[in-house]
């Protein structure tokens, strides 16, 4: 289970019902609830999500003159 900081309890706790999300800027984060008070907890993970192309684009060939 991922661990995060609960602002309401002012302590580090395990995140319950954790779901991994991708933010608008491409970074990954974990969102869940505090097991004690039920406040939403949000932990930003390191690194950006990698978008790999499914197939590489074919190279353009110039017409021979």
Foldseek 3Di string as FASTA:
>chain_A
DDWDADPVVRDIAHFPPWDWDADPVQWIKIWGAGPPPGDITIGTDDDGDDDDDPDDDDDDDDDDD
